[in-house]
Amino acid sequence: MLELVDVHKVYRVGTFGTGTVHAVRGVSFDVQPGEVVSLIGESGSGKSTIGRMVLRLANATSGSIRFDGTDVVSLRHRGLRDYYRHAQGVFQDPFSSYNPIFKVDRTFETLRRSYFPQDTGAAWDERVADAVHSVGLVPGEVLGKFPHQLSGGQLQRLLVARALLLDLRLLVADEIISMLDASTRIDVLNLLGDLKARGLGILFVTHDLSLGNYVSDKVVILHQGRVVERGPTAAVFADPRHPYTRTLLASVPQLDRRWEDVEAEEERRSAALGDECLYHARVDGADAHDLGLVEVAPGHLVGCFRDGADDACPGVRAPVAG
């Protein structure tokens, strides 16, 4: 359904745009119907930039983003409007998606004017009520209210309901529960599980590994804009092979263990796995700056072990001149 192939994003920065920031580097992965794929990484790793490029809120510098074989990057006007009929996003701060001086119903009305101009009166009200019911809310309790009268969780679910009014097939969920309290988070996560069961593909952007483990089928681990590891969630979390992935997993608090025990176990694991770059050990002739991945188990891929995105792999010797 959705496929990213060697996607890069470079931003111009500084006075007169003379500098550059390479935010996304050679990212490739796919999202299939009825599948949740989590983009996981620390702040600044390129997660949200990828989500914005998928939604065409930012343009890719190079590479391709394809939806059902159509290059999203090339869409214009009517084509882009039709794409948004199938692909929508929900973002971190639910309050920023609403105008505080209007009732929440207005977000549905703007959608009606664009996609359902023929629906008015009772027919439209029934369509909206059905969508609101489908995300676990009671229309009479949330419609007709101002944003400040509702909780963050209610506002997020209303945004999902708005997306479901369309012929939705892909949802980009960008840190949608990071601003919600613990009791509300599980409701929104379970809603994503329901959407997955209906056949939606979901790109779940998060910095929280425990949430990615809870909801996703596959994970893509990002570090400094490049994919360092990806594969089935169970495989990556049970046997992390890239040092950055192991560091992320070791940083997750565990209620049944103390930090020193986790730290000692990670030291033993790292010693057992060694520090040899798996990518360059298995790919003959690979360049020291190669952004490729190598398969270490079925569907489980790992990238170069170098620390910085612009660094060369220390395990690759430079060619001898002459």
C-alpha atoms as a PDB file:
ATOM      1  CA  MET A   1       0.000   0.000   0.000  1.00  0.00           C
ATOM      2  CA  LEU A   2       2.536   2.627   1.203  1.00  0.00           C
ATOM      3  CA  GLU A   3       6.170   2.255   0.191  1.00  0.00           C
ATOM      4  CA  LEU A   4       9.125   4.551   0.849  1.00  0.00           C
ATOM      5  CA  VAL A   5      12.249   3.947  -1.241  1.00  0.00           C
ATOM      6  CA  ASP A   6      15.570   5.691  -0.495  1.00  0.00           C
ATOM      7  CA  VAL A   7      13.886   8.869   0.798  1.00  0.00           C
ATOM      8  CA  HIS A   8      16.054  11.860   1.714  1.00  0.00           C
ATOM      9  CA  LYS A   9      15.104  15.228   3.173  1.00  0.00           C
ATOM     10  CA  VAL A  10      17.552  18.145   3.235  1.00  0.00           C
ATOM     11  CA  TYR A  11      16.646  21.495   4.818  1.00  0.00           C
ATOM     12  CA  ARG A  12      18.309  24.772   3.930  1.00  0.00           C
ATOM     13  CA  VAL A  13      19.405  26.680   7.033  1.00  0.00           C
ATOM     14  CA  GLY A  14      21.461  29.696   7.994  1.00  0.00           C
ATOM     15  CA  THR A  15      21.826  33.084   6.368  1.00  0.00           C
ATOM     16  CA  PHE A  16      20.465  33.020   2.807  1.00  0.00           C
ATOM     17  CA  GLY A  17      20.088  29.228   3.083  1.00  0.00           C
ATOM     18  CA  THR A  18      23.795  28.601   2.679  1.00  0.00           C
ATOM     19  CA  GLY A  19      23.818  25.719   5.164  1.00  0.00           C
ATOM     20  CA  THR A  20      22.063  22.377   5.045  1.00  0.00           C
ATOM     21  CA  VAL A  21      20.649  19.877   7.518  1.00  0.00           C
ATOM     22  CA  HIS A  22      20.224  16.310   6.277  1.00  0.00           C
ATOM     23  CA  ALA A  23      17.152  15.338   8.325  1.00  0.00           C
ATOM     24  CA  VAL A  24      16.301  12.021   6.612  1.00  0.00           C
ATOM     25  CA  ARG A  25      18.853   9.770   4.914  1.00  0.00           C
ATOM     26  CA  GLY A  26      17.971   6.950   2.548  1.00  0.00           C
ATOM     27  CA  VAL A  27      14.922   5.689   4.439  1.00  0.00           C
ATOM     28  CA  SER A  28      13.047   2.690   2.994  1.00  0.00           C
ATOM     29  CA  PHE A  29      10.145   0.680   4.447  1.00  0.00           C
ATOM     30  CA  ASP A  30       6.519  -0.169   3.672  1.00  0.00           C
ATOM     31  CA  VAL A  31       3.121  -0.233   5.397  1.00  0.00           C
ATOM     32  CA  GLN A  32       0.547  -2.825   4.365  1.00  0.00           C
ATOM     33  CA  PRO A  33      -3.249  -2.837   4.964  1.00  0.00           C
ATOM     34  CA  GLY A  34      -4.151  -3.953   8.477  1.00  0.00           C
ATOM     35  CA  GLU A  35      -0.604  -3.340   9.714  1.00  0.00           C
ATOM     36  CA  VAL A  36       0.860  -0.974  12.297  1.00  0.00           C
ATOM     37  CA  VAL A  37       4.430   0.150  11.618  1.00  0.00           C
ATOM     38  CA  SER A  38       6.137   2.158  14.369  1.00  0.00           C
ATOM     39  CA  LEU A  39       8.817   4.755  13.644  1.00  0.00           C
ATOM     40  CA  ILE A  40      10.913   4.854  16.813  1.00  0.00           C
ATOM     41  CA  GLY A  41      13.802   7.110  17.743  1.00  0.00           C
ATOM     42  CA  GLU A  42      14.882   9.989  19.921  1.00  0.00           C
ATOM     43  CA  SER A  43      13.949  13.605  19.257  1.00  0.00           C
ATOM     44  CA  GLY A  44      15.575  14.834  16.052  1.00  0.00           C
ATOM     45  CA  SER A  45      15.865  11.362  14.503  1.00  0.00           C
ATOM     46  CA  GLY A  46      13.597  12.258  11.572  1.00  0.00           C
ATOM     47  CA  LYS A  47      10.381  10.494  12.644  1.00  0.00           C
ATOM     48  CA  SER A  48       7.979  13.403  12.298  1.00  0.00           C
ATOM     49  CA  THR A  49       9.676  14.604   9.115  1.00  0.00           C
ATOM     50  CA  ILE A  50       8.947  11.227   7.519  1.00  0.00           C
ATOM     51  CA  GLY A  51       5.317  11.423   8.639  1.00  0.00           C
ATOM     52  CA  ARG A  52       5.005  14.929   7.180  1.00  0.00           C
ATOM     53  CA  MET A  53       6.487  13.791   3.870  1.00  0.00           C
ATOM     54  CA  VAL A  54       4.050  10.877   3.686  1.00  0.00           C
ATOM     55  CA  LEU A  55       1.211  13.385   4.153  1.00  0.00           C
ATOM     56  CA  ARG A  56       2.791  15.813   1.680  1.00  0.00           C
ATOM     57  CA  LEU A  57       3.091  18.490   4.357  1.00  0.00           C
ATOM     58  CA  ALA A  58       6.780  18.516   3.414  1.00  0.00           C
ATOM     59  CA  ASN A  59       8.370  17.495   0.134  1.00  0.00           C
ATOM     60  CA  ALA A  60      11.032  14.815  -0.090  1.00  0.00           C
ATOM     61  CA  THR A  61      14.344  16.036  -1.504  1.00  0.00           C
ATOM     62  CA  SER A  62      14.885  12.733  -3.309  1.00  0.00           C
ATOM     63  CA  GLY A  63      13.603   9.176  -3.345  1.00  0.00           C
ATOM     64  CA  SER A  64      10.027   8.040  -3.815  1.00  0.00           C
ATOM     65  CA  ILE A  65       6.941   7.714  -1.621  1.00  0.00           C
ATOM     66  CA  ARG A  66       4.345   5.534  -3.347  1.00  0.00           C
ATOM     67  CA  PHE A  67       0.742   4.866  -2.404  1.00  0.00           C
ATOM     68  CA  ASP A  68      -0.738   1.979  -4.388  1.00  0.00           C
ATOM     69  CA  GLY A  69       2.069   2.494  -6.887  1.00  0.00           C
ATOM     70  CA  THR A  70       1.407   6.226  -7.373  1.00  0.00           C
ATOM     71  CA  ASP A  71       4.259   8.579  -6.491  1.00  0.00           C
ATOM     72  CA  VAL A  72       2.879  10.865  -3.777  1.00  0.00           C
ATOM     73  CA  VAL A  73       5.650  13.408  -4.376  1.00  0.00           C
ATOM     74  CA  SER A  74       4.316  14.168  -7.872  1.00  0.00           C
ATOM     75  CA  LEU A  75       0.665  14.663  -6.889  1.00  0.00           C
ATOM     76  CA  ARG A  76      -0.908  18.049  -7.572  1.00  0.00           C
ATOM     77  CA  HIS A  77      -4.343  19.658  -7.086  1.00  0.00           C
ATOM     78  CA  ARG A  78      -7.069  17.042  -7.762  1.00  0.00           C
ATOM     79  CA  GLY A  79      -4.650  14.139  -7.373  1.00  0.00           C
ATOM     80  CA  LEU A  80      -3.502  15.379  -3.972  1.00  0.00           C
ATOM     81  CA  ARG A  81      -7.094  15.980  -2.883  1.00  0.00           C
ATOM     82  CA  ASP A  82      -7.991  12.412  -3.844  1.00  0.00           C
ATOM     83  CA  TYR A  83      -4.938  11.132  -1.947  1.00  0.00           C
ATOM     84  CA  TYR A  84      -6.154  12.867   1.214  1.00  0.00           C
ATOM     85  CA  ARG A  85      -9.398  10.961   0.849  1.00  0.00           C
ATOM     86  CA  HIS A  86      -7.378   7.835   1.690  1.00  0.00           C
ATOM     87  CA  ALA A  87      -4.535   9.187   3.861  1.00  0.00           C
ATOM     88  CA  GLN A  88      -4.903  11.395   6.932  1.00  0.00           C
ATOM     89  CA  GLY A  89      -2.838  12.370   9.962  1.00  0.00           C
ATOM     90  CA  VAL A  90      -3.431  12.949  13.664  1.00  0.00           C
ATOM     91  CA  PHE A  91      -0.755  14.868  15.545  1.00  0.00           C
ATOM     92  CA  GLN A  92       0.750  15.307  18.984  1.00  0.00           C
ATOM     93  CA  ASP A  93      -1.145  18.299  20.376  1.00  0.00           C
ATOM     94  CA  PRO A  94      -4.907  17.822  19.869  1.00  0.00           C
ATOM     95  CA  PHE A  95      -5.694  21.386  20.964  1.00  0.00           C
ATOM     96  CA  SER A  96      -3.622  22.858  18.119  1.00  0.00           C
ATOM     97  CA  SER A  97      -5.891  21.129  15.578  1.00  0.00           C
ATOM     98  CA  TYR A  98      -8.957  23.113  16.695  1.00  0.00           C
ATOM     99  CA  ASN A  99      -9.782  26.797  16.577  1.00  0.00           C
ATOM    100  CA  PRO A 100     -10.635  27.632  20.217  1.00  0.00           C
ATOM    101  CA  ILE A 101     -13.335  30.151  19.232  1.00  0.00           C
ATOM    102  CA  PHE A 102     -15.357  27.534  17.317  1.00  0.00           C
ATOM    103  CA  LYS A 103     -17.115  24.413  18.500  1.00  0.00           C
ATOM    104  CA  VAL A 104     -15.527  21.068  17.595  1.00  0.00           C
ATOM    105  CA  ASP A 105     -18.313  20.403  15.081  1.00  0.00           C
ATOM    106  CA  ARG A 106     -16.609  22.871  12.725  1.00  0.00           C
ATOM    107  CA  THR A 107     -13.816  20.404  11.983  1.00  0.00           C
ATOM    108  CA  PHE A 108     -16.447  18.064  10.518  1.00  0.00           C
ATOM    109  CA  GLU A 109     -18.157  20.865   8.617  1.00  0.00           C
ATOM    110  CA  THR A 110     -14.965  21.886   6.798  1.00  0.00           C
ATOM    111  CA  LEU A 111     -14.593  18.267   5.678  1.00  0.00           C
ATOM    112  CA  ARG A 112     -18.203  18.203   4.434  1.00  0.00           C
ATOM    113  CA  ARG A 113     -17.681  21.274   2.280  1.00  0.00           C
ATOM    114  CA  SER A 114     -14.635  19.737   0.619  1.00  0.00           C
ATOM    115  CA  TYR A 115     -15.718  16.123   0.151  1.00  0.00           C
ATOM    116  CA  PHE A 116     -19.467  15.814   0.788  1.00  0.00           C
ATOM    117  CA  PRO A 117     -21.154  19.015  -0.460  1.00  0.00           C
ATOM    118  CA  GLN A 118     -24.250  17.025  -1.361  1.00  0.00           C
ATOM    119  CA  ASP A 119     -24.792  15.862   2.245  1.00  0.00           C
ATOM    120  CA  THR A 120     -26.769  18.273   4.384  1.00  0.00           C
ATOM    121  CA  GLY A 121     -29.126  18.283   7.343  1.00  0.00           C
ATOM    122  CA  ALA A 122     -30.117  14.980   8.952  1.00  0.00           C
ATOM    123  CA  ALA A 123     -28.128  12.821   6.514  1.00  0.00           C
ATOM    124  CA  TRP A 124     -24.878  14.560   7.415  1.00  0.00           C
ATOM    125  CA  ASP A 125     -25.673  14.610  11.141  1.00  0.00           C
ATOM    126  CA  GLU A 126     -26.245  10.852  11.040  1.00  0.00           C
ATOM    127  CA  ARG A 127     -22.970  10.278   9.189  1.00  0.00           C
ATOM    128  CA  VAL A 128     -21.055  12.302  11.798  1.00  0.00           C
ATOM    129  CA  ALA A 129     -22.813  10.570  14.694  1.00  0.00           C
ATOM    130  CA  ASP A 130     -21.881   7.148  13.297  1.00  0.00           C
ATOM    131  CA  ALA A 131     -18.228   8.195  12.968  1.00  0.00           C
ATOM    132  CA  VAL A 132     -18.164   9.554  16.528  1.00  0.00           C
ATOM    133  CA  HIS A 133     -19.744   6.344  17.850  1.00  0.00           C
ATOM    134  CA  SER A 134     -17.109   4.301  16.012  1.00  0.00           C
ATOM    135  CA  VAL A 135     -14.293   5.836  18.090  1.00  0.00           C
ATOM    136  CA  GLY A 136     -16.007   5.146  21.403  1.00  0.00           C
ATOM    137  CA  LEU A 137     -17.602   8.526  22.046  1.00  0.00           C
ATOM    138  CA  VAL A 138     -21.226   9.558  22.635  1.00  0.00           C
ATOM    139  CA  PRO A 139     -22.181  12.275  20.119  1.00  0.00           C
ATOM    140  CA  GLY A 140     -24.429  14.098  22.560  1.00  0.00           C
ATOM    141  CA  GLU A 141     -21.550  14.401  25.051  1.00  0.00           C
ATOM    142  CA  VAL A 142     -18.929  15.848  22.701  1.00  0.00           C
ATOM    143  CA  LEU A 143     -20.600  17.528  19.728  1.00  0.00           C
ATOM    144  CA  GLY A 144     -21.648  21.131  20.247  1.00  0.00           C
ATOM    145  CA  LYS A 145     -18.777  21.688  22.720  1.00  0.00           C
ATOM    146  CA  PHE A 146     -15.792  24.010  22.552  1.00  0.00           C
ATOM    147  CA  PRO A 147     -12.318  22.382  22.559  1.00  0.00           C
ATOM    148  CA  HIS A 148     -11.542  23.557  26.097  1.00  0.00           C
ATOM    149  CA  GLN A 149     -14.627  21.688  27.345  1.00  0.00           C
ATOM    150  CA  LEU A 150     -13.240  18.314  26.227  1.00  0.00           C
ATOM    151  CA  SER A 151     -10.232  16.253  27.262  1.00  0.00           C
ATOM    152  CA  GLY A 152      -7.190  15.678  25.082  1.00  0.00           C
ATOM    153  CA  GLY A 153      -8.214  12.065  24.560  1.00  0.00           C
ATOM    154  CA  GLN A 154     -11.690  13.061  23.417  1.00  0.00           C
ATOM    155  CA  LEU A 155     -10.239  15.602  20.996  1.00  0.00           C
ATOM    156  CA  GLN A 156      -7.823  13.035  19.538  1.00  0.00           C
ATOM    157  CA  ARG A 157     -10.610  10.526  19.012  1.00  0.00           C
ATOM    158  CA  LEU A 158     -12.742  13.182  17.319  1.00  0.00           C
ATOM    159  CA  LEU A 159      -9.883  13.785  14.883  1.00  0.00           C
ATOM    160  CA  VAL A 160      -9.779  10.061  14.140  1.00  0.00           C
ATOM    161  CA  ALA A 161     -13.581  10.118  13.668  1.00  0.00           C
ATOM    162  CA  ARG A 162     -13.170  12.978  11.202  1.00  0.00           C
ATOM    163  CA  ALA A 163     -10.650  10.921   9.212  1.00  0.00           C
ATOM    164  CA  LEU A 164     -12.984   7.910   9.227  1.00  0.00           C
ATOM    165  CA  LEU A 165     -15.650   9.934   7.421  1.00  0.00           C
ATOM    166  CA  LEU A 166     -13.430   9.570   4.361  1.00  0.00           C
ATOM    167  CA  ASP A 167     -12.455   6.387   2.545  1.00  0.00           C
ATOM    168  CA  LEU A 168      -9.525   6.107   4.934  1.00  0.00           C
ATOM    169  CA  ARG A 169      -6.858   3.492   4.282  1.00  0.00           C
ATOM    170  CA  LEU A 170      -3.739   5.040   5.850  1.00  0.00           C
ATOM    171  CA  LEU A 171      -3.463   6.900   9.159  1.00  0.00           C
ATOM    172  CA  VAL A 172      -0.289   8.709  10.222  1.00  0.00           C
ATOM    173  CA  ALA A 173      -0.400   8.894  14.026  1.00  0.00           C
ATOM    174  CA  ASP A 174       2.380  11.253  15.102  1.00  0.00           C
ATOM    175  CA  GLU A 175       3.000  11.094  18.867  1.00  0.00           C
ATOM    176  CA  ILE A 176      -0.777  11.154  19.351  1.00  0.00           C
ATOM    177  CA  ILE A 177      -0.727  10.021  22.970  1.00  0.00           C
ATOM    178  CA  SER A 178       2.400  11.761  24.301  1.00  0.00           C
ATOM    179  CA  MET A 179       0.321  14.622  25.765  1.00  0.00           C
ATOM    180  CA  LEU A 180      -2.366  12.376  27.259  1.00  0.00           C
ATOM    181  CA  ASP A 181      -2.517  10.991  30.780  1.00  0.00           C
ATOM    182  CA  ALA A 182      -1.963   7.282  31.397  1.00  0.00           C
ATOM    183  CA  SER A 183      -5.646   6.379  31.773  1.00  0.00           C
ATOM    184  CA  THR A 184      -6.485   7.963  28.419  1.00  0.00           C
ATOM    185  CA  ARG A 185      -3.497   6.577  26.532  1.00  0.00           C
ATOM    186  CA  ILE A 186      -4.704   3.002  26.618  1.00  0.00           C
ATOM    187  CA  ASP A 187      -8.086   4.017  25.181  1.00  0.00           C
ATOM    188  CA  VAL A 188      -6.436   5.687  22.174  1.00  0.00           C
ATOM    189  CA  LEU A 189      -4.017   2.765  21.696  1.00  0.00           C
ATOM    190  CA  ASN A 190      -6.906   0.314  21.763  1.00  0.00           C
ATOM    191  CA  LEU A 191      -8.690   2.495  19.199  1.00  0.00           C
ATOM    192  CA  LEU A 192      -5.671   2.117  16.910  1.00  0.00           C
ATOM    193  CA  GLY A 193      -5.932  -1.634  17.418  1.00  0.00           C
ATOM    194  CA  ASP A 194      -9.584  -1.503  16.331  1.00  0.00           C
ATOM    195  CA  LEU A 195      -8.660   0.504  13.228  1.00  0.00           C
ATOM    196  CA  LYS A 196      -5.991  -2.044  12.385  1.00  0.00           C
ATOM    197  CA  ALA A 197      -8.575  -4.822  12.670  1.00  0.00           C
ATOM    198  CA  ARG A 198     -10.727  -2.931  10.148  1.00  0.00           C
ATOM    199  CA  GLY A 199      -7.886  -3.127   7.632  1.00  0.00           C
ATOM    200  CA  LEU A 200      -6.304   0.324   8.026  1.00  0.00           C
ATOM    201  CA  GLY A 201      -2.567   0.722   7.635  1.00  0.00           C
ATOM    202  CA  ILE A 202      -1.131   2.849  10.463  1.00  0.00           C
ATOM    203  CA  LEU A 203       2.209   4.649  10.605  1.00  0.00           C
ATOM    204  CA  PHE A 204       2.732   5.159  14.343  1.00  0.00           C
ATOM    205  CA  VAL A 205       5.378   7.766  15.180  1.00  0.00           C
ATOM    206  CA  THR A 206       6.696   7.559  18.733  1.00  0.00           C
ATOM    207  CA  HIS A 207       9.798   7.926  20.900  1.00  0.00           C
ATOM    208  CA  ASP A 208       8.372   5.439  23.431  1.00  0.00           C
ATOM    209  CA  LEU A 209       9.514   1.859  22.808  1.00  0.00           C
ATOM    210  CA  SER A 210       6.945   0.356  25.169  1.00  0.00           C
ATOM    211  CA  LEU A 211       4.118   1.910  23.120  1.00  0.00           C
ATOM    212  CA  GLY A 212       5.660   0.668  19.898  1.00  0.00           C
ATOM    213  CA  ASN A 213       5.905  -2.814  21.354  1.00  0.00           C
ATOM    214  CA  TYR A 214       2.279  -2.690  22.500  1.00  0.00           C
ATOM    215  CA  VAL A 215       0.667  -1.678  19.244  1.00  0.00           C
ATOM    216  CA  SER A 216       2.911  -2.400  16.245  1.00  0.00           C
ATOM    217  CA  ASP A 217       3.539  -5.323  13.912  1.00  0.00           C
ATOM    218  CA  LYS A 218       6.826  -3.935  12.605  1.00  0.00           C
ATOM    219  CA  VAL A 219       9.274  -1.346  13.911  1.00  0.00           C
ATOM    220  CA  VAL A 220      11.680   0.987  12.157  1.00  0.00           C
ATOM    221  CA  ILE A 221      14.456   2.274  14.437  1.00  0.00           C
ATOM    222  CA  LEU A 222      15.782   5.686  13.357  1.00  0.00           C
ATOM    223  CA  HIS A 223      19.010   7.356  14.437  1.00  0.00           C
ATOM    224  CA  GLN A 224      20.152  10.723  13.046  1.00  0.00           C
ATOM    225  CA  GLY A 225      17.819  10.411  10.095  1.00  0.00           C
ATOM    226  CA  ARG A 226      18.769   6.906   8.951  1.00  0.00           C
ATOM    227  CA  VAL A 227      17.296   3.470   9.571  1.00  0.00           C
ATOM    228  CA  VAL A 228      19.638   1.457  11.789  1.00  0.00           C
ATOM    229  CA  GLU A 229      17.324  -1.525  12.338  1.00  0.00           C
ATOM    230  CA  ARG A 230      13.884  -2.672  11.202  1.00  0.00           C
ATOM    231  CA  GLY A 231      11.766  -5.784  11.164  1.00  0.00           C
ATOM    232  CA  PRO A 232       8.976  -7.611  13.005  1.00  0.00           C
ATOM    233  CA  THR A 233       8.473  -6.035  16.426  1.00  0.00           C
ATOM    234  CA  ALA A 234       8.906  -9.290  18.344  1.00  0.00           C
ATOM    235  CA  ALA A 235      12.159 -10.106  16.537  1.00  0.00           C
ATOM    236  CA  VAL A 236      13.741  -6.656  16.944  1.00  0.00           C
ATOM    237  CA  PHE A 237      12.763  -6.297  20.594  1.00  0.00           C
ATOM    238  CA  ALA A 238      13.757  -9.842  21.548  1.00  0.00           C
ATOM    239  CA  ASP A 239      17.083  -9.773  19.703  1.00  0.00           C
ATOM    240  CA  PRO A 240      18.237  -6.184  19.045  1.00  0.00           C
ATOM    241  CA  ARG A 241      21.397  -6.316  16.947  1.00  0.00           C
ATOM    242  CA  HIS A 242      22.333  -2.658  16.442  1.00  0.00           C
ATOM    243  CA  PRO A 243      24.091  -0.926  19.385  1.00  0.00           C
ATOM    244  CA  TYR A 244      21.690   2.040  19.198  1.00  0.00           C
ATOM    245  CA  THR A 245      18.646  -0.239  19.435  1.00  0.00           C
ATOM    246  CA  ARG A 246      20.174  -2.043  22.412  1.00  0.00           C
ATOM    247  CA  THR A 247      20.839   1.307  24.096  1.00  0.00           C
ATOM    248  CA  LEU A 248      17.226   2.407  23.552  1.00  0.00           C
ATOM    249  CA  LEU A 249      15.805  -0.817  24.959  1.00  0.00           C
ATOM    250  CA  ALA A 250      18.128  -0.715  27.964  1.00  0.00           C
ATOM    251  CA  SER A 251      16.865   2.797  28.784  1.00  0.00           C
ATOM    252  CA  VAL A 252      13.232   1.677  29.201  1.00  0.00           C
ATOM    253  CA  PRO A 253      12.326   1.464  32.931  1.00  0.00           C
ATOM    254  CA  GLN A 254      11.151  -1.972  34.060  1.00  0.00           C
ATOM    255  CA  LEU A 255       8.925  -2.281  37.107  1.00  0.00           C
ATOM    256  CA  ASP A 256      10.204  -5.714  38.100  1.00  0.00           C
ATOM    257  CA  ARG A 257      13.939  -4.972  37.807  1.00  0.00           C
ATOM    258  CA  ARG A 258      16.432  -2.415  39.095  1.00  0.00           C
ATOM    259  CA  TRP A 259      18.519  -0.329  36.722  1.00  0.00           C
ATOM    260  CA  GLU A 260      21.843  -1.877  37.779  1.00  0.00           C
ATOM    261  CA  ASP A 261      20.557  -5.359  36.868  1.00  0.00           C
ATOM    262  CA  VAL A 262      19.432  -4.154  33.438  1.00  0.00           C
ATOM    263  CA  GLU A 263      22.758  -2.388  32.909  1.00  0.00           C
ATOM    264  CA  ALA A 264      24.717  -5.506  33.821  1.00  0.00           C
ATOM    265  CA  GLU A 265      22.643  -7.625  31.441  1.00  0.00           C
ATOM    266  CA  GLU A 266      23.206  -5.163  28.602  1.00  0.00           C
ATOM    267  CA  GLU A 267      26.954  -5.263  29.211  1.00  0.00           C
ATOM    268  CA  ARG A 268      26.880  -9.066  28.983  1.00  0.00           C
ATOM    269  CA  ARG A 269      24.780  -8.945  25.808  1.00  0.00           C
ATOM    270  CA  SER A 270      27.078  -6.393  24.173  1.00  0.00           C
ATOM    271  CA  ALA A 271      30.148  -8.444  25.068  1.00  0.00           C
ATOM    272  CA  ALA A 272      28.552 -11.574  23.587  1.00  0.00           C
ATOM    273  CA  LEU A 273      27.491  -9.863  20.358  1.00  0.00           C
ATOM    274  CA  GLY A 274      30.720  -7.934  19.942  1.00  0.00           C
ATOM    275  CA  ASP A 275      31.177  -4.556  18.285  1.00  0.00           C
ATOM    276  CA  GLU A 276      31.901  -5.699  14.728  1.00  0.00           C
ATOM    277  CA  CYS A 277      29.609  -3.943  12.233  1.00  0.00           C
ATOM    278  CA  LEU A 278      27.219  -6.618  10.964  1.00  0.00           C
ATOM    279  CA  TYR A 279      26.517  -4.732   7.741  1.00  0.00           C
ATOM    280  CA  HIS A 280      30.116  -4.412   6.595  1.00  0.00           C
ATOM    281  CA  ALA A 281      30.972  -7.882   7.864  1.00  0.00           C
ATOM    282  CA  ARG A 282      28.348  -9.409   5.570  1.00  0.00           C
ATOM    283  CA  VAL A 283      28.254  -7.128   2.517  1.00  0.00           C
ATOM    284  CA  ASP A 284      31.363  -7.432   0.380  1.00  0.00           C
ATOM    285  CA  GLY A 285      32.635  -4.207  -1.134  1.00  0.00           C
ATOM    286  CA  ALA A 286      30.234  -1.940   0.771  1.00  0.00           C
ATOM    287  CA  ASP A 287      31.292   1.679   1.028  1.00  0.00           C
ATOM    288  CA  ALA A 288      32.210   3.009   4.478  1.00  0.00           C
ATOM    289  CA  HIS A 289      29.355   5.536   4.241  1.00  0.00           C
ATOM    290  CA  ASP A 290      26.775   3.097   2.838  1.00  0.00           C
ATOM    291  CA  LEU A 291      23.221   3.551   4.155  1.00  0.00           C
ATOM    292  CA  GLY A 292      22.147   0.010   3.282  1.00  0.00           C
ATOM    293  CA  LEU A 293      20.756  -2.733   5.510  1.00  0.00           C
ATOM    294  CA  VAL A 294      21.641  -6.406   5.778  1.00  0.00           C
ATOM    295  CA  GLU A 295      19.241  -9.199   6.766  1.00  0.00           C
ATOM    296  CA  VAL A 296      20.342 -10.953   9.966  1.00  0.00           C
ATOM    297  CA  ALA A 297      17.154 -13.034  10.337  1.00  0.00           C
ATOM    298  CA  PRO A 298      14.002 -13.404   8.206  1.00  0.00           C
ATOM    299  CA  GLY A 299      12.616  -9.858   7.793  1.00  0.00           C
ATOM    300  CA  HIS A 300      15.044  -8.478  10.403  1.00  0.00           C
ATOM    301  CA  LEU A 301      17.504  -5.949   8.914  1.00  0.00           C
ATOM    302  CA  VAL A 302      20.394  -4.027  10.484  1.00  0.00           C
ATOM    303  CA  GLY A 303      22.460  -1.074   9.249  1.00  0.00           C
ATOM    304  CA  CYS A 304      26.020   0.064   9.769  1.00  0.00           C
ATOM    305  CA  PHE A 305      27.230   0.403  13.362  1.00  0.00           C
ATOM    306  CA  ARG A 306      28.898   3.824  12.930  1.00  0.00           C
ATOM    307  CA  ASP A 307      27.945   6.455  15.511  1.00  0.00           C
ATOM    308  CA  GLY A 308      27.351   9.611  13.484  1.00  0.00           C
ATOM    309  CA  ALA A 309      25.295   9.876  10.319  1.00  0.00           C
ATOM    310  CA  ASP A 310      28.246  11.462   8.475  1.00  0.00           C
ATOM    311  CA  ASP A 311      30.889   9.167   9.937  1.00  0.00           C
ATOM    312  CA  ALA A 312      32.605   6.382   8.054  1.00  0.00           C
ATOM    313  CA  CYS A 313      32.358   2.873   9.448  1.00  0.00           C
ATOM    314  CA  PRO A 314      35.519   2.338  11.548  1.00  0.00           C
ATOM    315  CA  GLY A 315      35.625  -1.293  10.442  1.00  0.00           C
ATOM    316  CA  VAL A 316      36.207  -0.406   6.778  1.00  0.00           C
ATOM    317  CA  ARG A 317      39.740   0.390   5.708  1.00  0.00           C
ATOM    318  CA  ALA A 318      40.315   3.213   3.267  1.00  0.00           C
ATOM    319  CA  PRO A 319      41.739   2.058  -0.080  1.00  0.00           C
ATOM    320  CA  VAL A 320      45.519   2.321  -0.396  1.00  0.00           C
ATOM    321  CA  ALA A 321      46.521   4.920  -2.990  1.00  0.00           C
ATOM    322  CA  GLY A 322      48.390   3.596  -6.024  1.00  0.00           C
END
